[in-house]
Protein backbone atom coordinates (compact mmCIF):
# COMPACT_ATOMS: atom_id res chain seq x y z
CA MET A 1 144.19 102.16 146.12
CA GLY A 2 141.00 100.10 148.13
CA GLU A 3 140.97 98.17 144.34
CA GLN A 4 144.14 96.89 145.01
CA ILE A 5 144.53 95.61 148.66
CA GLU A 6 141.37 94.14 148.11
CA PHE A 7 142.26 91.51 145.49
CA PRO A 8 144.98 89.26 147.37
CA LYS A 9 142.60 89.68 150.17
CA ASN A 10 140.01 88.12 147.82
CA PHE A 11 142.26 85.56 146.74
CA ASN A 12 143.63 84.04 149.55
CA MET A 13 139.62 84.24 150.84
CA TYR A 14 138.41 82.10 147.68
CA MET A 15 141.94 79.64 147.64
CA SER A 16 141.02 79.25 151.54
CA GLN A 17 136.99 78.12 150.45
CA VAL A 18 138.60 75.85 147.66
CA MET A 19 140.99 73.58 150.49
CA GLU A 20 138.13 73.30 152.61
CA HIS A 21 135.52 71.67 150.18
CA LEU A 22 138.46 70.15 148.15
CA ARG A 23 138.79 68.46 151.76
CA LYS A 24 135.32 67.73 151.47
CA GLY A 25 135.47 66.47 148.76
CA ASN A 26 132.64 69.04 147.27
CA VAL A 27 134.42 68.94 143.81
CA VAL A 28 132.14 71.63 142.02
CA GLU A 29 131.86 73.72 145.58
CA ALA A 30 135.58 74.03 145.04
CA ILE A 31 135.70 74.59 141.31
CA ASP A 32 133.56 77.76 141.67
CA TYR A 33 135.61 79.42 144.15
CA MET A 34 138.69 78.20 142.21
CA LYS A 35 136.94 79.86 138.72
CA LYS A 36 136.45 83.20 141.16
CA ALA A 37 140.33 82.56 142.27
CA TYR A 38 140.95 82.50 138.83
CA THR A 39 139.87 85.57 137.22
CA ILE A 40 142.09 87.66 140.24
CA LYS A 41 145.59 85.63 139.64
CA ASP A 42 146.12 83.36 136.13
CA GLU A 43 149.11 81.50 138.44
CA ASP A 44 149.70 77.97 136.74
CA SER A 45 149.46 75.78 139.57
CA LEU A 46 145.48 77.17 139.94
CA ASN A 47 145.38 76.64 136.17
CA VAL A 48 145.77 72.74 136.72
CA LEU A 49 144.33 72.93 139.84
CA LEU A 50 141.06 73.96 137.69
CA VAL A 51 141.41 71.52 134.87
CA SER A 52 141.93 68.43 136.90
CA SER A 53 138.86 69.85 138.99
CA LEU A 54 136.77 70.30 135.97
CA LEU A 55 138.22 66.56 134.71
CA GLN A 56 136.90 65.16 137.52
CA ALA A 57 133.23 67.21 137.65
CA GLY A 58 132.67 65.98 133.94
CA GLU A 59 133.40 69.47 132.16
CA TYR A 60 135.10 67.81 129.84
CA GLU A 61 134.94 71.18 127.41
CA GLU A 62 136.04 73.96 130.23
CA ALA A 63 139.11 71.78 131.32
CA LEU A 64 140.22 71.69 127.68
CA ARG A 65 139.46 75.73 127.20
CA LEU A 66 141.77 76.07 130.25
CA ALA A 67 144.29 73.88 129.46
CA ASP A 68 144.87 74.79 126.24
CA GLU A 69 144.97 78.63 127.27
CA LYS A 70 148.66 77.49 128.86
CA ASN A 71 149.64 74.67 126.17
CA ASP A 72 153.39 75.06 126.71
CA PHE A 73 153.09 74.62 130.17
CA TYR A 74 151.54 71.96 130.11
CA THR A 75 153.02 70.15 127.38
CA SER A 76 156.76 71.45 128.93
CA ASP A 77 156.30 69.02 132.27
CA GLU A 78 155.23 64.58 131.27
CA LYS A 79 152.85 64.76 134.67
CA ARG A 80 150.91 67.83 133.34
CA LEU A 81 151.23 66.37 130.32
CA LEU A 82 149.45 63.51 131.79
CA ILE A 83 146.31 65.36 132.84
CA TYR A 84 145.97 67.72 129.03
CA VAL A 85 146.04 64.88 127.07
CA GLU A 86 143.64 62.50 129.61
CA VAL A 87 141.54 66.16 128.83
CA LEU A 88 141.90 65.77 125.33
CA LEU A 89 140.82 61.87 125.37
CA GLU A 90 137.78 63.79 127.16
CA ASN A 91 137.28 65.83 124.06
CA ASN A 92 137.28 63.54 121.51
CA GLN A 93 140.65 65.17 120.06
CA MET A 94 142.20 61.80 119.27
CA LEU A 95 144.92 62.77 116.99
CA GLN A 96 146.72 65.31 119.39
CA ALA A 97 145.98 62.93 122.32
CA GLU A 98 147.73 60.10 119.55
CA LYS A 99 150.46 62.08 118.78
CA HIS A 100 151.38 62.77 122.47
CA ILE A 101 150.92 59.28 123.89
CA LYS A 102 153.26 57.69 120.42
CA GLU A 103 155.72 60.51 121.35
CA GLN A 104 155.98 59.38 125.00
CA LEU A 105 156.17 55.76 124.71
CA ASP A 106 158.52 56.28 122.37
CA ASN A 107 160.40 58.02 125.07
CA GLN A 108 163.15 56.29 126.28
CA ALA A 109 163.58 58.71 129.55
CA VAL A 110 159.51 58.53 130.08
CA LYS A 111 158.99 58.03 133.85
CA TYR A 112 155.29 57.36 133.81
CA VAL A 113 155.11 54.57 131.71
CA ASP A 114 152.00 53.19 133.66
CA SER A 115 150.09 55.74 132.67
CA TRP A 116 150.82 56.38 129.61
CA ASN A 117 149.92 52.93 128.74
CA ARG A 118 146.60 53.27 130.65
CA LEU A 119 146.27 56.02 127.72
CA ASP A 120 147.13 53.97 125.35
CA SER A 121 144.53 51.73 125.91
CA GLN A 122 141.77 54.09 126.89
CA LEU A 123 142.41 55.88 123.64
CA ALA A 124 141.95 52.65 121.42
CA LYS A 125 138.96 51.70 123.24
CA ILE A 126 137.72 55.03 122.41
CA LYS A 127 138.01 54.01 118.71
CA ARG A 128 137.19 50.90 118.75
CA VAL A 129 133.61 52.90 120.33
CA GLN A 130 134.03 55.40 117.54
CA GLU A 131 133.99 52.60 114.82
CA GLU A 132 131.38 50.71 116.28
CA ASN A 133 128.93 54.09 116.22
CA LYS A 134 130.53 55.26 112.84
CA ARG A 135 129.46 51.42 111.48
CA LYS A 136 125.72 51.69 113.30
CA GLU A 137 125.38 55.01 112.09
CA GLU A 138 126.23 54.13 108.39
CA ASP A 139 123.82 50.90 108.41
CA ARG A 140 121.50 53.23 109.51
CA ILE A 141 121.89 55.17 106.84
CA VAL A 142 122.01 52.65 104.00
CA LYS A 143 118.71 50.89 105.16
CA GLN A 144 117.08 54.79 105.11
CA LEU A 145 118.30 55.24 101.90
CA PHE A 146 117.29 51.60 100.67
CA SER A 147 113.92 52.55 101.65
CA LEU A 148 113.80 56.19 99.96
CA ALA A 149 111.12 55.02 97.05
CA SER A 150 108.61 54.66 99.80
CA LEU A 151 109.20 58.07 101.52
CA ASN A 152 107.92 61.29 100.02
CA THR A 153 109.32 63.85 98.05
CA LEU A 154 110.36 65.95 100.44
CA GLU A 155 111.60 62.88 102.95
CA GLN A 156 113.47 61.78 99.92
CA PHE A 157 115.63 64.64 99.49
CA ALA A 158 115.76 65.35 103.98
CA ALA A 159 117.59 61.64 103.73
CA MET A 160 119.93 62.37 101.00
CA LYS A 161 121.66 64.85 102.91
CA ASN A 162 123.39 62.16 105.13
CA ILE A 163 124.78 60.52 102.00
CA TYR A 164 128.08 62.35 101.82
CA THR A 165 128.74 60.56 105.22
CA LEU A 166 129.09 57.60 103.57
CA PRO A 167 132.25 55.92 102.46
CA ASN A 168 132.06 54.46 98.85
CA ALA A 169 131.44 50.67 99.94
CA LYS A 170 128.36 52.11 100.82
CA LEU A 171 127.18 54.00 98.10
CA LYS A 172 128.63 51.23 95.61
CA GLN A 173 125.67 49.30 97.76
CA LEU A 174 122.87 52.00 97.51
CA ALA A 175 123.67 52.29 93.53
CA PRO A 176 122.91 49.09 91.96
CA GLN A 177 118.98 49.92 93.23
CA LEU A 178 118.85 53.44 93.97
CA LEU A 179 119.43 54.61 89.73
CA VAL A 180 116.79 52.54 88.23
CA ASN A 181 113.91 53.10 90.75
CA PRO A 182 111.66 54.88 89.07
CA TYR A 183 109.93 55.64 92.63
CA VAL A 184 113.37 57.27 93.67
CA HIS A 185 113.00 61.09 92.77
CA PRO A 186 115.08 62.41 89.61
CA LEU A 187 116.87 64.63 91.36
CA VAL A 188 118.33 62.20 93.97
CA ARG A 189 119.19 59.97 91.32
CA ALA A 190 121.12 62.63 89.68
CA THR A 191 122.65 63.95 93.20
CA LEU A 192 123.92 60.12 94.30
CA PHE A 193 125.49 60.05 90.41
CA SER A 194 127.45 62.63 90.73
CA LEU A 195 128.70 62.06 94.24
CA LEU A 196 129.74 58.53 92.08
CA ALA A 197 131.59 60.62 89.53
CA GLU A 198 133.15 63.11 92.13
CA ARG A 199 134.81 60.49 93.87
CA GLY A 200 135.42 58.86 90.60
CA VAL A 201 133.73 55.70 91.71
CA ASP A 202 134.60 52.73 89.42
CA GLY A 203 132.04 50.26 87.44
CA SER A 204 129.05 51.36 85.13
CA TYR A 205 125.98 51.21 86.40
CA PRO A 206 122.58 50.99 84.86
CA TYR A 207 120.57 54.63 84.91
CA LEU A 208 116.94 55.20 84.23
CA TRP A 209 116.29 57.90 82.80
CA PHE A 210 112.87 59.54 81.09
CA GLY A 211 111.62 56.31 81.25
CA GLU A 212 114.91 54.19 79.33
CA VAL A 213 117.95 52.29 81.08
CA LYS A 214 120.72 53.04 79.67
CA GLU A 215 124.53 52.71 80.70
CA ALA A 216 126.40 55.43 82.42
CA THR A 217 130.05 55.18 84.64
CA PRO A 218 130.41 57.57 86.80
CA SER A 219 135.07 57.77 86.69
CA GLU A 220 134.03 58.72 83.30
CA THR A 221 131.68 61.36 83.93
CA TYR A 222 131.98 65.43 85.61
CA PRO A 223 130.68 65.56 88.57
CA LEU A 224 126.94 67.99 87.75
CA GLU A 225 128.81 71.34 88.86
CA GLN A 226 131.75 70.64 86.91
CA HIS A 227 130.44 69.35 83.73
CA PRO A 228 131.36 72.07 80.56
CA THR A 229 127.58 72.03 79.52
CA ALA A 230 126.84 73.37 83.08
CA LYS A 231 129.41 75.63 83.43
CA ALA A 232 128.89 77.25 79.78
CA ILE A 233 125.06 77.43 81.54
CA ALA A 234 126.10 79.35 84.40
CA ALA A 235 128.30 81.47 82.42
CA ASP A 236 125.79 82.46 80.22
CA LEU A 237 123.05 82.85 82.54
CA ASN A 238 125.25 85.22 84.80
CA GLU A 239 125.78 87.31 81.76
CA CYS A 240 122.02 87.53 80.51
CA LEU A 241 121.15 88.42 84.38
CA SER A 242 124.14 90.07 86.66
CA GLN A 243 121.72 93.32 86.64
CA ASN A 244 118.69 91.33 87.71
CA PRO A 245 119.37 89.54 90.41
CA SER A 246 115.99 88.76 92.06
CA LEU A 247 115.01 87.09 88.80
CA TYR A 248 118.85 85.74 88.14
CA GLN A 249 117.13 83.81 91.56
CA LEU A 250 114.36 82.27 90.31
CA ALA A 251 116.30 81.39 86.74
CA GLU A 252 119.19 79.95 88.54
CA ASN A 253 117.15 77.44 90.75
CA GLU A 254 115.45 76.66 87.75
CA VAL A 255 118.30 75.69 85.23
CA ASP A 256 119.93 73.94 88.02
CA THR A 257 116.36 71.57 88.30
CA VAL A 258 116.68 71.00 84.42
CA LEU A 259 120.84 70.04 84.43
CA LEU A 260 120.05 67.94 87.56
CA MET A 261 116.96 66.45 85.25
CA LEU A 262 119.18 65.51 82.68
CA TYR A 263 122.02 64.52 84.22
CA PRO A 264 124.55 62.35 83.37
CA PHE A 265 123.12 62.58 79.62
CA GLU A 266 122.85 66.48 79.32
CA ALA A 267 125.82 66.57 76.83
CA GLU A 268 123.45 64.76 74.25
CA ILE A 269 120.48 67.14 75.03
CA ILE A 270 122.27 70.43 75.30
CA ALA A 271 124.26 70.69 72.07
CA PRO A 272 127.17 72.87 72.11
CA GLY A 273 126.75 76.45 71.06
CA GLU A 274 122.95 75.93 72.68
CA GLU A 275 123.44 77.26 76.25
CA LYS A 276 122.36 80.45 75.57
CA ALA A 277 119.20 79.11 73.74
CA TRP A 278 118.01 77.06 76.56
CA VAL A 279 119.40 79.69 79.26
CA THR A 280 116.93 82.39 77.00
CA SER A 281 114.24 79.81 77.39
CA LEU A 282 114.67 79.16 80.84
CA ILE A 283 114.19 82.38 81.65
CA ARG A 284 111.62 82.95 79.40
CA MET A 285 109.46 80.58 81.47
CA ILE A 286 109.96 82.47 84.16
CA ASP A 287 109.29 86.04 83.07
CA PRO A 288 107.85 85.87 79.16
CA THR A 289 108.78 89.67 79.07
CA PHE A 290 112.32 88.80 78.95
CA GLU A 291 114.15 89.99 75.70
CA SER A 292 117.69 88.64 74.71
CA ALA A 293 120.08 89.79 71.53
CA GLU A 294 121.25 86.27 71.40
CA MET A 295 117.84 85.49 70.34
CA ASN A 296 116.86 84.13 67.18
CA GLU A 297 114.00 85.52 64.71
CA ASN A 298 111.58 81.80 65.45
CA GLY A 299 112.05 82.98 69.40
CA ASP A 300 112.23 80.21 70.97
CA SER A 301 113.79 76.29 69.66
CA ASP A 302 111.10 73.82 69.72
CA HIS A 303 113.67 71.28 70.91
CA ILE A 304 114.10 73.18 74.02
CA LEU A 305 110.71 73.82 74.39
CA SER A 306 110.12 70.01 74.05
CA TRP A 307 112.35 68.57 76.96
CA ILE A 308 111.59 71.55 78.72
CA GLU A 309 107.80 70.09 79.07
CA LYS A 310 109.48 67.11 79.15
CA ILE A 311 110.78 67.75 82.06
CA HIS A 312 108.15 69.30 83.76
CA SER A 313 105.90 66.77 83.58
CA GLU A 314 109.03 64.08 85.13
CA LEU A 315 108.67 66.48 87.97
CA LEU A 316 105.22 66.87 87.74
CA ARG A 317 104.78 62.81 88.82
CA PHE A 318 106.43 63.37 92.26
CA GLU A 319 104.37 66.04 93.16
């Protein structure tokens, strides 16, 4: 019983402190007491006061969290919706904010036209800034990728993590130079071309492949992981090593490397029906004691071993 009597007293005391600090312009201090009062009573009016104060204090994420708790309350009244949309804008929730702004500006019964126009202008400004920042970041990434040949292998791999954020137009700028540069790691070149293929980028590009410049067309090429050869090898690997997870992990890494090195011309090297022989040979590179029921009497194919050696030799150039 004592606790039930104490809560209202604390609530009134906290709200008294809130009003006192707000009168003095101490918004941060007032917020502390609002939060204490709100834990006792989550009144709608207190929520609005707290959200508005958090917005004023620059605590945008918390303001959005509290406003979202009473989403229907904010969206059911134009004046409260103005606060909510401003919170959305400060949290870069552009699509939601734009939806509300457009609906209100299209509404003939809207009361606060000037306020909605102000938020619309704010939205447009934020979009311009975001687009400019995006363009600058893309230019920075492109500049870094154009300099891949000057980086060591680990730095090249690290730089490639950013390539997926680039639009196709930027990728098409990079491709003619990177795909034929002998100092760009072959796994990096394969990754770039696979991304071009995944996006169906048009045009043909010269591609440096084991010292030979060949022509490759992304729109006519499978992304690496979707290539029938890669799928068949993955299935055979799983069949061979499903009961040996530790060896499977090592073999999978080796298989992925080999396929990337042969990409996008792996179908020229791995003939249909030859996938299991490749899998067996690659596993035996890791574990010479490995035996497979599918191994023929002659053991590993000279053709396969020759290509595995060629791949490893090419990789050694970048160590």
